[in-house]
Amino acid sequence: MTAIRKILSVKGSYLKIEIPEDLKGKDIEVIILPLNEENTKKTARKKYDFSDIAGKLKWRGDAVAVQRSMRDEW
């Protein structure tokens, strides 16, 4: 199933929607919903705070040599 979501600004009483080629000739469903604060709060995602897992890796040895040996295992 293909889902297309567009947020548009309506300036008149007409709305033009361009349909992708793969949907031409097929039955489709069009739903028009007003965009308000309730709808945007549900879809807005909070950014994850990586500060609790961020850090610095102390590597001992030759990183390039280890990478090459891992690649050679394939």
N, C-alpha and C. Protein backbone atom coordinates (compact mmCIF):
# COMPACT_ATOMS: atom_id res chain seq x y z
N MET A 1 0.85 -1.17 0.00
CA MET A 1 0.00 0.00 0.00
C MET A 1 0.89 1.24 0.00
N THR A 2 0.55 2.17 -0.83
CA THR A 2 1.28 3.43 -0.91
C THR A 2 0.49 4.50 -0.18
N ALA A 3 1.15 5.21 0.71
CA ALA A 3 0.50 6.31 1.42
C ALA A 3 1.25 7.59 1.09
N ILE A 4 0.51 8.61 0.78
CA ILE A 4 1.09 9.91 0.45
C ILE A 4 0.49 10.93 1.40
N ARG A 5 1.35 11.68 2.05
CA ARG A 5 0.86 12.72 2.96
C ARG A 5 1.43 14.05 2.52
N LYS A 6 0.58 15.02 2.34
CA LYS A 6 0.99 16.37 1.96
C LYS A 6 0.31 17.36 2.89
N ILE A 7 1.05 18.31 3.37
CA ILE A 7 0.48 19.40 4.16
C ILE A 7 0.46 20.61 3.25
N LEU A 8 -0.72 21.09 2.94
CA LEU A 8 -0.90 22.17 1.98
C LEU A 8 -1.59 23.35 2.63
N SER A 9 -1.38 24.51 2.06
CA SER A 9 -2.07 25.71 2.49
C SER A 9 -3.16 26.01 1.47
N VAL A 10 -4.40 26.04 1.93
CA VAL A 10 -5.53 26.25 1.03
C VAL A 10 -5.80 27.74 0.92
N LYS A 11 -5.75 28.25 -0.30
CA LYS A 11 -5.96 29.68 -0.52
C LYS A 11 -7.29 29.98 -1.19
N GLY A 12 -8.00 28.97 -1.58
CA GLY A 12 -9.28 29.15 -2.24
C GLY A 12 -10.17 27.96 -1.94
N SER A 13 -11.16 27.74 -2.79
CA SER A 13 -12.06 26.61 -2.57
C SER A 13 -11.70 25.41 -3.44
N TYR A 14 -10.57 25.47 -4.15
CA TYR A 14 -10.14 24.37 -5.00
C TYR A 14 -8.77 23.87 -4.54
N LEU A 15 -8.55 22.58 -4.71
CA LEU A 15 -7.29 21.96 -4.34
C LEU A 15 -6.84 21.05 -5.47
N LYS A 16 -5.62 21.21 -5.94
CA LYS A 16 -5.09 20.39 -7.02
C LYS A 16 -4.12 19.37 -6.42
N ILE A 17 -4.36 18.10 -6.71
CA ILE A 17 -3.51 17.03 -6.22
C ILE A 17 -2.98 16.26 -7.42
N GLU A 18 -1.66 16.13 -7.50
CA GLU A 18 -1.05 15.35 -8.57
C GLU A 18 -0.87 13.91 -8.07
N ILE A 19 -1.39 12.97 -8.84
CA ILE A 19 -1.37 11.57 -8.47
C ILE A 19 -0.16 10.90 -9.14
N PRO A 20 0.61 10.09 -8.41
CA PRO A 20 1.74 9.38 -9.01
C PRO A 20 1.28 8.43 -10.12
N GLU A 21 2.18 8.17 -11.05
CA GLU A 21 1.86 7.33 -12.21
C GLU A 21 1.36 5.95 -11.81
N ASP A 22 1.93 5.35 -10.77
CA ASP A 22 1.54 3.98 -10.41
C ASP A 22 0.13 3.89 -9.83
N LEU A 23 -0.49 5.02 -9.50
CA LEU A 23 -1.85 5.01 -8.97
C LEU A 23 -2.89 5.40 -10.01
N LYS A 24 -2.46 5.80 -11.19
CA LYS A 24 -3.42 6.19 -12.22
C LYS A 24 -4.27 5.00 -12.63
N GLY A 25 -5.56 5.23 -12.75
CA GLY A 25 -6.50 4.19 -13.14
C GLY A 25 -6.95 3.30 -11.99
N LYS A 26 -6.47 3.56 -10.78
CA LYS A 26 -6.86 2.76 -9.61
C LYS A 26 -7.81 3.56 -8.73
N ASP A 27 -8.59 2.85 -7.92
CA ASP A 27 -9.45 3.51 -6.95
C ASP A 27 -8.58 3.97 -5.78
N ILE A 28 -8.76 5.22 -5.37
CA ILE A 28 -8.01 5.76 -4.25
C ILE A 28 -8.97 6.41 -3.27
N GLU A 29 -8.50 6.62 -2.06
CA GLU A 29 -9.29 7.30 -1.03
C GLU A 29 -8.58 8.60 -0.68
N VAL A 30 -9.33 9.68 -0.65
CA VAL A 30 -8.78 10.99 -0.31
C VAL A 30 -9.47 11.47 0.96
N ILE A 31 -8.68 11.81 1.96
CA ILE A 31 -9.21 12.32 3.22
C ILE A 31 -8.61 13.71 3.44
N ILE A 32 -9.45 14.68 3.73
CA ILE A 32 -8.99 16.05 3.99
C ILE A 32 -9.28 16.37 5.45
N LEU A 33 -8.21 16.68 6.18
CA LEU A 33 -8.33 17.01 7.60
C LEU A 33 -7.75 18.38 7.84
N PRO A 34 -8.40 19.19 8.68
CA PRO A 34 -7.79 20.48 9.02
C PRO A 34 -6.58 20.25 9.92
N LEU A 35 -5.53 21.00 9.68
CA LEU A 35 -4.32 20.88 10.48
C LEU A 35 -4.43 21.87 11.63
N ASN A 36 -4.43 21.35 12.84
CA ASN A 36 -4.51 22.22 14.01
C ASN A 36 -3.46 21.77 15.02
N GLU A 37 -3.41 22.41 16.14
CA GLU A 37 -2.39 22.10 17.15
C GLU A 37 -2.51 20.67 17.66
N GLU A 38 -3.73 20.16 17.77
CA GLU A 38 -3.92 18.79 18.24
C GLU A 38 -3.24 17.79 17.32
N ASN A 39 -3.43 17.97 16.00
CA ASN A 39 -2.84 17.05 15.04
C ASN A 39 -1.32 17.15 15.02
N THR A 40 -0.78 18.34 15.15
CA THR A 40 0.67 18.50 15.08
C THR A 40 1.36 17.99 16.33
N LYS A 41 0.71 18.07 17.48
CA LYS A 41 1.32 17.58 18.72
C LYS A 41 1.46 16.06 18.69
N LYS A 42 0.50 15.37 18.09
CA LYS A 42 0.56 13.91 18.03
C LYS A 42 1.67 13.44 17.11
N THR A 43 1.90 14.15 16.02
CA THR A 43 2.90 13.70 15.05
C THR A 43 4.29 14.24 15.34
N ALA A 44 4.41 15.26 16.17
CA ALA A 44 5.73 15.82 16.47
C ALA A 44 6.50 14.84 17.35
N ARG A 45 7.75 14.60 16.97
CA ARG A 45 8.58 13.68 17.73
C ARG A 45 9.64 14.45 18.49
N LYS A 46 9.89 13.99 19.70
CA LYS A 46 10.94 14.61 20.49
C LYS A 46 12.27 14.05 20.03
N LYS A 47 13.28 14.90 20.03
CA LYS A 47 14.61 14.44 19.66
C LYS A 47 15.20 13.68 20.84
N TYR A 48 15.85 12.57 20.55
CA TYR A 48 16.44 11.75 21.60
C TYR A 48 17.70 12.42 22.13
N ASP A 49 17.85 12.38 23.43
CA ASP A 49 19.03 12.95 24.08
C ASP A 49 20.09 11.85 24.21
N PHE A 50 21.14 11.96 23.42
CA PHE A 50 22.21 10.96 23.41
C PHE A 50 23.29 11.24 24.45
N SER A 51 23.12 12.24 25.27
CA SER A 51 24.18 12.63 26.21
C SER A 51 24.48 11.53 27.22
N ASP A 52 23.50 10.68 27.54
CA ASP A 52 23.76 9.63 28.52
C ASP A 52 24.56 8.46 27.96
N ILE A 53 24.62 8.33 26.63
CA ILE A 53 25.39 7.24 26.03
C ILE A 53 26.59 7.73 25.24
N ALA A 54 26.75 9.02 25.14
CA ALA A 54 27.88 9.58 24.39
C ALA A 54 29.15 9.49 25.22
N GLY A 55 30.25 9.31 24.54
CA GLY A 55 31.51 9.23 25.25
C GLY A 55 32.67 9.15 24.28
N LYS A 56 33.80 8.76 24.79
CA LYS A 56 35.00 8.67 23.97
C LYS A 56 35.56 7.26 24.13
N LEU A 57 35.88 6.64 23.03
CA LEU A 57 36.44 5.30 23.03
C LEU A 57 37.95 5.38 23.10
N LYS A 58 38.52 4.65 24.05
CA LYS A 58 39.98 4.58 24.13
C LYS A 58 40.41 3.33 23.39
N TRP A 59 41.03 3.49 22.25
CA TRP A 59 41.43 2.38 21.40
C TRP A 59 42.92 2.14 21.53
N ARG A 60 43.26 0.91 21.81
CA ARG A 60 44.67 0.54 21.89
C ARG A 60 44.97 -0.37 20.71
N GLY A 61 45.94 -0.02 19.95
CA GLY A 61 46.29 -0.82 18.79
C GLY A 61 46.08 -0.04 17.51
N ASP A 62 46.26 -0.72 16.41
CA ASP A 62 46.13 -0.11 15.10
C ASP A 62 44.71 -0.33 14.58
N ALA A 63 43.91 0.69 14.54
CA ALA A 63 42.52 0.57 14.13
C ALA A 63 42.40 0.14 12.68
N VAL A 64 43.28 0.62 11.82
CA VAL A 64 43.23 0.27 10.40
C VAL A 64 43.56 -1.21 10.21
N ALA A 65 44.53 -1.72 10.95
CA ALA A 65 44.88 -3.14 10.85
C ALA A 65 43.72 -4.03 11.30
N VAL A 66 43.05 -3.65 12.36
CA VAL A 66 41.89 -4.42 12.83
C VAL A 66 40.79 -4.39 11.79
N GLN A 67 40.54 -3.24 11.20
CA GLN A 67 39.51 -3.12 10.18
C GLN A 67 39.84 -4.00 8.98
N ARG A 68 41.10 -4.01 8.56
CA ARG A 68 41.50 -4.84 7.41
C ARG A 68 41.36 -6.32 7.73
N SER A 69 41.71 -6.72 8.94
CA SER A 69 41.58 -8.14 9.29
C SER A 69 40.11 -8.56 9.33
N MET A 70 39.24 -7.68 9.81
CA MET A 70 37.81 -7.99 9.81
C MET A 70 37.27 -8.08 8.39
N ARG A 71 37.73 -7.21 7.53
CA ARG A 71 37.29 -7.21 6.14
C ARG A 71 37.78 -8.48 5.44
N ASP A 72 38.99 -8.94 5.76
CA ASP A 72 39.54 -10.14 5.13
C ASP A 72 38.79 -11.40 5.55
N GLU A 73 38.09 -11.36 6.69
CA GLU A 73 37.31 -12.52 7.13
C GLU A 73 36.14 -12.80 6.21
N TRP A 74 35.68 -11.80 5.49
CA TRP A 74 34.55 -11.98 4.58
C TRP A 74 34.99 -12.84 3.44
